[in-house]
Amino acid sequence: MGLVHCSKERKLLKSMKFPKEYSLKVDVKKVNWEIMREWTALRVTQLLGMEDEVLIGYIHEQLGEDKKVGCCRYQL
């Protein structure tokens, strides 16, 4: 089942158009994760009009400093 998901995801990524900035590499070692976590929590709260700890936790997990995921995949 995992291979089917991966092939569908690859096909979907190829069919989508992304800004050229998405191809730039980011050195995640230089990211200040404490500030990033504070900003994402504040922004989610602003967008929702309330604090959602589950969603904020999920976002922090997805943006984890040890992950190597391209920003194009976040669009899916």
PDB file of N, CA and C in Angstrom:
ATOM      1  N   MET A   1       0.829  -1.201   0.000  1.00  0.00           N
ATOM      2  CA  MET A   1       0.000   0.000   0.000  1.00  0.00           C
ATOM      3  C   MET A   1       0.864   1.252   0.000  1.00  0.00           C
ATOM      4  N   GLY A   2       2.015   1.212   0.657  1.00  0.00           N
ATOM      5  CA  GLY A   2       2.900   2.358   0.725  1.00  0.00           C
ATOM      6  C   GLY A   2       3.445   2.758  -0.637  1.00  0.00           C
ATOM      7  N   LEU A   3       3.762   1.759  -1.480  1.00  0.00           N
ATOM      8  CA  LEU A   3       4.295   2.065  -2.805  1.00  0.00           C
ATOM      9  C   LEU A   3       3.261   2.748  -3.684  1.00  0.00           C
ATOM     10  N   VAL A   4       2.015   2.345  -3.558  1.00  0.00           N
ATOM     11  CA  VAL A   4       0.946   2.974  -4.337  1.00  0.00           C
ATOM     12  C   VAL A   4       0.809   4.438  -3.937  1.00  0.00           C
ATOM     13  N   HIS A   5       0.848   4.692  -2.635  1.00  0.00           N
ATOM     14  CA  HIS A   5       0.751   6.062  -2.133  1.00  0.00           C
ATOM     15  C   HIS A   5       1.911   6.906  -2.650  1.00  0.00           C
ATOM     16  N   CYS A   6       3.127   6.353  -2.605  1.00  0.00           N
ATOM     17  CA  CYS A   6       4.308   7.090  -3.055  1.00  0.00           C
ATOM     18  C   CYS A   6       4.231   7.405  -4.540  1.00  0.00           C
ATOM     19  N   SER A   7       3.796   6.456  -5.348  1.00  0.00           N
ATOM     20  CA  SER A   7       3.722   6.707  -6.788  1.00  0.00           C
ATOM     21  C   SER A   7       2.638   7.739  -7.109  1.00  0.00           C
ATOM     22  N   LYS A   8       1.517   7.687  -6.394  1.00  0.00           N
ATOM     23  CA  LYS A   8       0.471   8.692  -6.598  1.00  0.00           C
ATOM     24  C   LYS A   8       0.963  10.070  -6.177  1.00  0.00           C
ATOM     25  N   GLU A   9       1.701  10.115  -5.083  1.00  0.00           N
ATOM     26  CA  GLU A   9       2.225  11.390  -4.589  1.00  0.00           C
ATOM     27  C   GLU A   9       3.225  11.968  -5.591  1.00  0.00           C
ATOM     28  N   ARG A  10       4.122  11.114  -6.123  1.00  0.00           N
ATOM     29  CA  ARG A  10       5.094  11.567  -7.118  1.00  0.00           C
ATOM     30  C   ARG A  10       4.398  12.101  -8.361  1.00  0.00           C
ATOM     31  N   LYS A  11       3.379  11.393  -8.808  1.00  0.00           N
ATOM     32  CA  LYS A  11       2.619  11.799  -9.996  1.00  0.00           C
ATOM     33  C   LYS A  11       1.929  13.146  -9.751  1.00  0.00           C
ATOM     34  N   LEU A  12       1.354  13.307  -8.573  1.00  0.00           N
ATOM     35  CA  LEU A  12       0.684  14.554  -8.227  1.00  0.00           C
ATOM     36  C   LEU A  12       1.679  15.708  -8.160  1.00  0.00           C
ATOM     37  N   LEU A  13       2.846  15.475  -7.566  1.00  0.00           N
ATOM     38  CA  LEU A  13       3.867  16.518  -7.484  1.00  0.00           C
ATOM     39  C   LEU A  13       4.335  16.958  -8.866  1.00  0.00           C
ATOM     40  N   LYS A  14       4.474  16.005  -9.785  1.00  0.00           N
ATOM     41  CA  LYS A  14       4.907  16.337 -11.139  1.00  0.00           C
ATOM     42  C   LYS A  14       3.859  17.149 -11.888  1.00  0.00           C
ATOM     43  N   SER A  15       2.597  16.959 -11.558  1.00  0.00           N
ATOM     44  CA  SER A  15       1.529  17.651 -12.268  1.00  0.00           C
ATOM     45  C   SER A  15       1.299  19.076 -11.745  1.00  0.00           C
ATOM     46  N   MET A  16       1.865  19.397 -10.589  1.00  0.00           N
ATOM     47  CA  MET A  16       1.647  20.705  -9.973  1.00  0.00           C
ATOM     48  C   MET A  16       2.755  21.682 -10.357  1.00  0.00           C
ATOM     49  N   LYS A  17       2.430  22.955 -10.382  1.00  0.00           N
ATOM     50  CA  LYS A  17       3.405  24.018 -10.653  1.00  0.00           C
ATOM     51  C   LYS A  17       3.744  24.717  -9.334  1.00  0.00           C
ATOM     52  N   PHE A  18       5.024  24.965  -9.129  1.00  0.00           N
ATOM     53  CA  PHE A  18       5.487  25.610  -7.909  1.00  0.00           C
ATOM     54  C   PHE A  18       6.348  26.815  -8.255  1.00  0.00           C
ATOM     55  N   PRO A  19       6.367  27.827  -7.392  1.00  0.00           N
ATOM     56  CA  PRO A  19       7.247  28.976  -7.620  1.00  0.00           C
ATOM     57  C   PRO A  19       8.712  28.537  -7.620  1.00  0.00           C
ATOM     58  N   LYS A  20       9.562  29.268  -8.337  1.00  0.00           N
ATOM     59  CA  LYS A  20      10.981  28.900  -8.429  1.00  0.00           C
ATOM     60  C   LYS A  20      11.665  28.920  -7.064  1.00  0.00           C
ATOM     61  N   GLU A  21      11.138  29.699  -6.128  1.00  0.00           N
ATOM     62  CA  GLU A  21      11.731  29.780  -4.791  1.00  0.00           C
ATOM     63  C   GLU A  21      11.662  28.445  -4.061  1.00  0.00           C
ATOM     64  N   TYR A  22      10.692  27.615  -4.426  1.00  0.00           N
ATOM     65  CA  TYR A  22      10.541  26.322  -3.764  1.00  0.00           C
ATOM     66  C   TYR A  22      11.702  25.385  -4.062  1.00  0.00           C
ATOM     67  N   SER A  23      12.477  25.655  -5.095  1.00  0.00           N
ATOM     68  CA  SER A  23      13.607  24.795  -5.422  1.00  0.00           C
ATOM     69  C   SER A  23      14.861  25.166  -4.626  1.00  0.00           C
ATOM     70  N   LEU A  24      14.817  26.297  -3.911  1.00  0.00           N
ATOM     71  CA  LEU A  24      15.957  26.712  -3.097  1.00  0.00           C
ATOM     72  C   LEU A  24      16.096  25.805  -1.879  1.00  0.00           C
ATOM     73  N   LYS A  25      17.334  25.478  -1.541  1.00  0.00           N
ATOM     74  CA  LYS A  25      17.597  24.632  -0.384  1.00  0.00           C
ATOM     75  C   LYS A  25      17.767  25.505   0.856  1.00  0.00           C
ATOM     76  N   VAL A  26      17.257  25.034   1.977  1.00  0.00           N
ATOM     77  CA  VAL A  26      17.369  25.749   3.237  1.00  0.00           C
ATOM     78  C   VAL A  26      18.229  24.930   4.180  1.00  0.00           C
ATOM     79  N   ASP A  27      19.213  25.569   4.779  1.00  0.00           N
ATOM     80  CA  ASP A  27      20.044  24.902   5.771  1.00  0.00           C
ATOM     81  C   ASP A  27      19.287  24.945   7.097  1.00  0.00           C
ATOM     82  N   VAL A  28      18.626  23.844   7.435  1.00  0.00           N
ATOM     83  CA  VAL A  28      17.767  23.822   8.619  1.00  0.00           C
ATOM     84  C   VAL A  28      18.557  23.967   9.919  1.00  0.00           C
ATOM     85  N   LYS A  29      19.854  23.787   9.852  1.00  0.00           N
ATOM     86  CA  LYS A  29      20.681  23.972  11.050  1.00  0.00           C
ATOM     87  C   LYS A  29      20.742  25.446  11.447  1.00  0.00           C
ATOM     88  N   LYS A  30      20.464  26.336  10.498  1.00  0.00           N
ATOM     89  CA  LYS A  30      20.509  27.768  10.770  1.00  0.00           C
ATOM     90  C   LYS A  30      19.155  28.336  11.193  1.00  0.00           C
ATOM     91  N   VAL A  31      18.123  27.513  11.159  1.00  0.00           N
ATOM     92  CA  VAL A  31      16.781  27.965  11.534  1.00  0.00           C
ATOM     93  C   VAL A  31      16.671  28.018  13.052  1.00  0.00           C
ATOM     94  N   ASN A  32      16.156  29.107  13.567  1.00  0.00           N
ATOM     95  CA  ASN A  32      15.930  29.234  15.007  1.00  0.00           C
ATOM     96  C   ASN A  32      14.558  28.601  15.283  1.00  0.00           C
ATOM     97  N   TRP A  33      14.566  27.336  15.701  1.00  0.00           N
ATOM     98  CA  TRP A  33      13.321  26.573  15.838  1.00  0.00           C
ATOM     99  C   TRP A  33      12.420  27.112  16.944  1.00  0.00           C
ATOM    100  N   GLU A  34      13.002  27.690  17.977  1.00  0.00           N
ATOM    101  CA  GLU A  34      12.174  28.243  19.056  1.00  0.00           C
ATOM    102  C   GLU A  34      11.321  29.393  18.523  1.00  0.00           C
ATOM    103  N   ILE A  35      11.924  30.278  17.761  1.00  0.00           N
ATOM    104  CA  ILE A  35      11.170  31.385  17.158  1.00  0.00           C
ATOM    105  C   ILE A  35      10.169  30.864  16.145  1.00  0.00           C
ATOM    106  N   MET A  36      10.551  29.859  15.367  1.00  0.00           N
ATOM    107  CA  MET A  36       9.645  29.278  14.370  1.00  0.00           C
ATOM    108  C   MET A  36       8.416  28.672  15.040  1.00  0.00           C
ATOM    109  N   ARG A  37       8.624  27.967  16.146  1.00  0.00           N
ATOM    110  CA  ARG A  37       7.497  27.370  16.872  1.00  0.00           C
ATOM    111  C   ARG A  37       6.558  28.444  17.427  1.00  0.00           C
ATOM    112  N   GLU A  38       7.133  29.497  17.999  1.00  0.00           N
ATOM    113  CA  GLU A  38       6.310  30.589  18.533  1.00  0.00           C
ATOM    114  C   GLU A  38       5.501  31.249  17.417  1.00  0.00           C
ATOM    115  N   TRP A  39       6.146  31.497  16.278  1.00  0.00           N
ATOM    116  CA  TRP A  39       5.477  32.169  15.171  1.00  0.00           C
ATOM    117  C   TRP A  39       4.341  31.307  14.603  1.00  0.00           C
ATOM    118  N   THR A  40       4.602  30.003  14.406  1.00  0.00           N
ATOM    119  CA  THR A  40       3.551  29.143  13.850  1.00  0.00           C
ATOM    120  C   THR A  40       2.371  29.045  14.808  1.00  0.00           C
ATOM    121  N   ALA A  41       2.626  28.951  16.097  1.00  0.00           N
ATOM    122  CA  ALA A  41       1.536  28.892  17.074  1.00  0.00           C
ATOM    123  C   ALA A  41       0.705  30.168  17.045  1.00  0.00           C
ATOM    124  N   LEU A  42       1.376  31.304  16.991  1.00  0.00           N
ATOM    125  CA  LEU A  42       0.677  32.586  16.937  1.00  0.00           C
ATOM    126  C   LEU A  42      -0.138  32.708  15.643  1.00  0.00           C
ATOM    127  N   ARG A  43       0.461  32.323  14.524  1.00  0.00           N
ATOM    128  CA  ARG A  43      -0.220  32.462  13.230  1.00  0.00           C
ATOM    129  C   ARG A  43      -1.435  31.542  13.127  1.00  0.00           C
ATOM    130  N   VAL A  44      -1.308  30.317  13.593  1.00  0.00           N
ATOM    131  CA  VAL A  44      -2.449  29.392  13.577  1.00  0.00           C
ATOM    132  C   VAL A  44      -3.573  29.935  14.445  1.00  0.00           C
ATOM    133  N   THR A  45      -3.222  30.452  15.614  1.00  0.00           N
ATOM    134  CA  THR A  45      -4.223  31.026  16.512  1.00  0.00           C
ATOM    135  C   THR A  45      -4.910  32.224  15.868  1.00  0.00           C
ATOM    136  N   GLN A  46      -4.146  33.063  15.172  1.00  0.00           N
ATOM    137  CA  GLN A  46      -4.730  34.210  14.470  1.00  0.00           C
ATOM    138  C   GLN A  46      -5.685  33.758  13.370  1.00  0.00           C
ATOM    139  N   LEU A  47      -5.285  32.768  12.596  1.00  0.00           N
ATOM    140  CA  LEU A  47      -6.110  32.303  11.479  1.00  0.00           C
ATOM    141  C   LEU A  47      -7.393  31.625  11.937  1.00  0.00           C
ATOM    142  N   LEU A  48      -7.300  30.856  13.017  1.00  0.00           N
ATOM    143  CA  LEU A  48      -8.472  30.126  13.512  1.00  0.00           C
ATOM    144  C   LEU A  48      -9.339  30.960  14.450  1.00  0.00           C
ATOM    145  N   GLY A  49      -8.735  31.967  15.064  1.00  0.00           N
ATOM    146  CA  GLY A  49      -9.463  32.754  16.047  1.00  0.00           C
ATOM    147  C   GLY A  49      -9.511  32.083  17.410  1.00  0.00           C
ATOM    148  N   MET A  50      -8.782  30.990  17.559  1.00  0.00           N
ATOM    149  CA  MET A  50      -8.681  30.267  18.832  1.00  0.00           C
ATOM    150  C   MET A  50      -7.420  29.416  18.794  1.00  0.00           C
ATOM    151  N   GLU A  51      -6.958  29.009  19.952  1.00  0.00           N
ATOM    152  CA  GLU A  51      -5.755  28.177  20.022  1.00  0.00           C
ATOM    153  C   GLU A  51      -6.133  26.713  19.869  1.00  0.00           C
ATOM    154  N   ASP A  52      -5.488  26.027  18.945  1.00  0.00           N
ATOM    155  CA  ASP A  52      -5.723  24.602  18.720  1.00  0.00           C
ATOM    156  C   ASP A  52      -4.396  23.876  18.934  1.00  0.00           C
ATOM    157  N   GLU A  53      -4.198  23.358  20.143  1.00  0.00           N
ATOM    158  CA  GLU A  53      -2.932  22.734  20.504  1.00  0.00           C
ATOM    159  C   GLU A  53      -2.618  21.502  19.669  1.00  0.00           C
ATOM    160  N   VAL A  54      -3.648  20.763  19.270  1.00  0.00           N
ATOM    161  CA  VAL A  54      -3.431  19.558  18.463  1.00  0.00           C
ATOM    162  C   VAL A  54      -2.882  19.944  17.088  1.00  0.00           C
ATOM    163  N   LEU A  55      -3.502  20.907  16.442  1.00  0.00           N
ATOM    164  CA  LEU A  55      -3.047  21.352  15.126  1.00  0.00           C
ATOM    165  C   LEU A  55      -1.654  21.966  15.209  1.00  0.00           C
ATOM    166  N   ILE A  56      -1.422  22.785  16.203  1.00  0.00           N
ATOM    167  CA  ILE A  56      -0.107  23.409  16.380  1.00  0.00           C
ATOM    168  C   ILE A  56       0.956  22.342  16.608  1.00  0.00           C
ATOM    169  N   GLY A  57       0.657  21.354  17.421  1.00  0.00           N
ATOM    170  CA  GLY A  57       1.589  20.248  17.648  1.00  0.00           C
ATOM    171  C   GLY A  57       1.873  19.473  16.383  1.00  0.00           C
ATOM    172  N   TYR A  58       0.843  19.244  15.576  1.00  0.00           N
ATOM    173  CA  TYR A  58       1.015  18.531  14.311  1.00  0.00           C
ATOM    174  C   TYR A  58       1.919  19.328  13.364  1.00  0.00           C
ATOM    175  N   ILE A  59       1.689  20.620  13.271  1.00  0.00           N
ATOM    176  CA  ILE A  59       2.509  21.477  12.417  1.00  0.00           C
ATOM    177  C   ILE A  59       3.957  21.458  12.885  1.00  0.00           C
ATOM    178  N   HIS A  60       4.169  21.558  14.182  1.00  0.00           N
ATOM    179  CA  HIS A  60       5.533  21.535  14.716  1.00  0.00           C
ATOM    180  C   HIS A  60       6.205  20.198  14.418  1.00  0.00           C
ATOM    181  N   GLU A  61       5.446  19.126  14.488  1.00  0.00           N
ATOM    182  CA  GLU A  61       5.994  17.808  14.172  1.00  0.00           C
ATOM    183  C   GLU A  61       6.388  17.727  12.700  1.00  0.00           C
ATOM    184  N   GLN A  62       5.547  18.246  11.821  1.00  0.00           N
ATOM    185  CA  GLN A  62       5.828  18.210  10.388  1.00  0.00           C
ATOM    186  C   GLN A  62       7.007  19.094  10.002  1.00  0.00           C
ATOM    187  N   LEU A  63       7.199  20.184  10.726  1.00  0.00           N
ATOM    188  CA  LEU A  63       8.307  21.094  10.449  1.00  0.00           C
ATOM    189  C   LEU A  63       9.536  20.760  11.269  1.00  0.00           C
ATOM    190  N   GLY A  64       9.554  19.610  11.891  1.00  0.00           N
ATOM    191  CA  GLY A  64      10.637  19.231  12.791  1.00  0.00           C
ATOM    192  C   GLY A  64      12.008  19.494  12.213  1.00  0.00           C
ATOM    193  N   GLU A  65      12.915  19.890  13.079  1.00  0.00           N
ATOM    194  CA  GLU A  65      14.244  20.279  12.643  1.00  0.00           C
ATOM    195  C   GLU A  65      15.060  19.131  12.069  1.00  0.00           C
ATOM    196  N   ASP A  66      14.690  17.890  12.327  1.00  0.00           N
ATOM    197  CA  ASP A  66      15.455  16.772  11.796  1.00  0.00           C
ATOM    198  C   ASP A  66      14.850  16.199  10.514  1.00  0.00           C
ATOM    199  N   LYS A  67      13.758  16.763  10.050  1.00  0.00           N
ATOM    200  CA  LYS A  67      13.104  16.272   8.833  1.00  0.00           C
ATOM    201  C   LYS A  67      13.749  16.881   7.604  1.00  0.00           C
ATOM    202  N   LYS A  68      13.751  16.112   6.527  1.00  0.00           N
ATOM    203  CA  LYS A  68      14.278  16.596   5.251  1.00  0.00           C
ATOM    204  C   LYS A  68      13.188  16.428   4.200  1.00  0.00           C
ATOM    205  N   VAL A  69      12.196  17.280   4.267  1.00  0.00           N
ATOM    206  CA  VAL A  69      11.079  17.231   3.335  1.00  0.00           C
ATOM    207  C   VAL A  69      11.082  18.503   2.516  1.00  0.00           C
ATOM    208  N   GLY A  70      10.936  18.360   1.205  1.00  0.00           N
ATOM    209  CA  GLY A  70      10.883  19.537   0.340  1.00  0.00           C
ATOM    210  C   GLY A  70       9.607  20.321   0.575  1.00  0.00           C
ATOM    211  N   CYS A  71       9.686  21.620   0.377  1.00  0.00           N
ATOM    212  CA  CYS A  71       8.525  22.466   0.640  1.00  0.00           C
ATOM    213  C   CYS A  71       7.372  22.177  -0.332  1.00  0.00           C
ATOM    214  N   CYS A  72       7.667  21.593  -1.486  1.00  0.00           N
ATOM    215  CA  CYS A  72       6.594  21.243  -2.428  1.00  0.00           C
ATOM    216  C   CYS A  72       5.649  20.205  -1.825  1.00  0.00           C
ATOM    217  N   ARG A  73       6.205  19.299  -1.030  1.00  0.00           N
ATOM    218  CA  ARG A  73       5.372  18.250  -0.418  1.00  0.00           C
ATOM    219  C   ARG A  73       4.436  18.810   0.632  1.00  0.00           C
ATOM    220  N   TYR A  74       4.781  19.970   1.228  1.00  0.00           N
ATOM    221  CA  TYR A  74       3.885  20.594   2.197  1.00  0.00           C
ATOM    222  C   TYR A  74       2.618  21.101   1.529  1.00  0.00           C
ATOM    223  N   GLN A  75       2.670  21.343   0.225  1.00  0.00           N
ATOM    224  CA  GLN A  75       1.505  21.826  -0.504  1.00  0.00           C
ATOM    225  C   GLN A  75       0.452  20.742  -0.678  1.00  0.00           C
ATOM    226  N   LEU A  76       0.869  19.472  -0.589  1.00  0.00           N
ATOM    227  CA  LEU A  76      -0.076  18.379  -0.737  1.00  0.00           C
ATOM    228  C   LEU A  76      -0.931  18.313   0.503  1.00  0.00           C
TER     229      LEU A  76
END
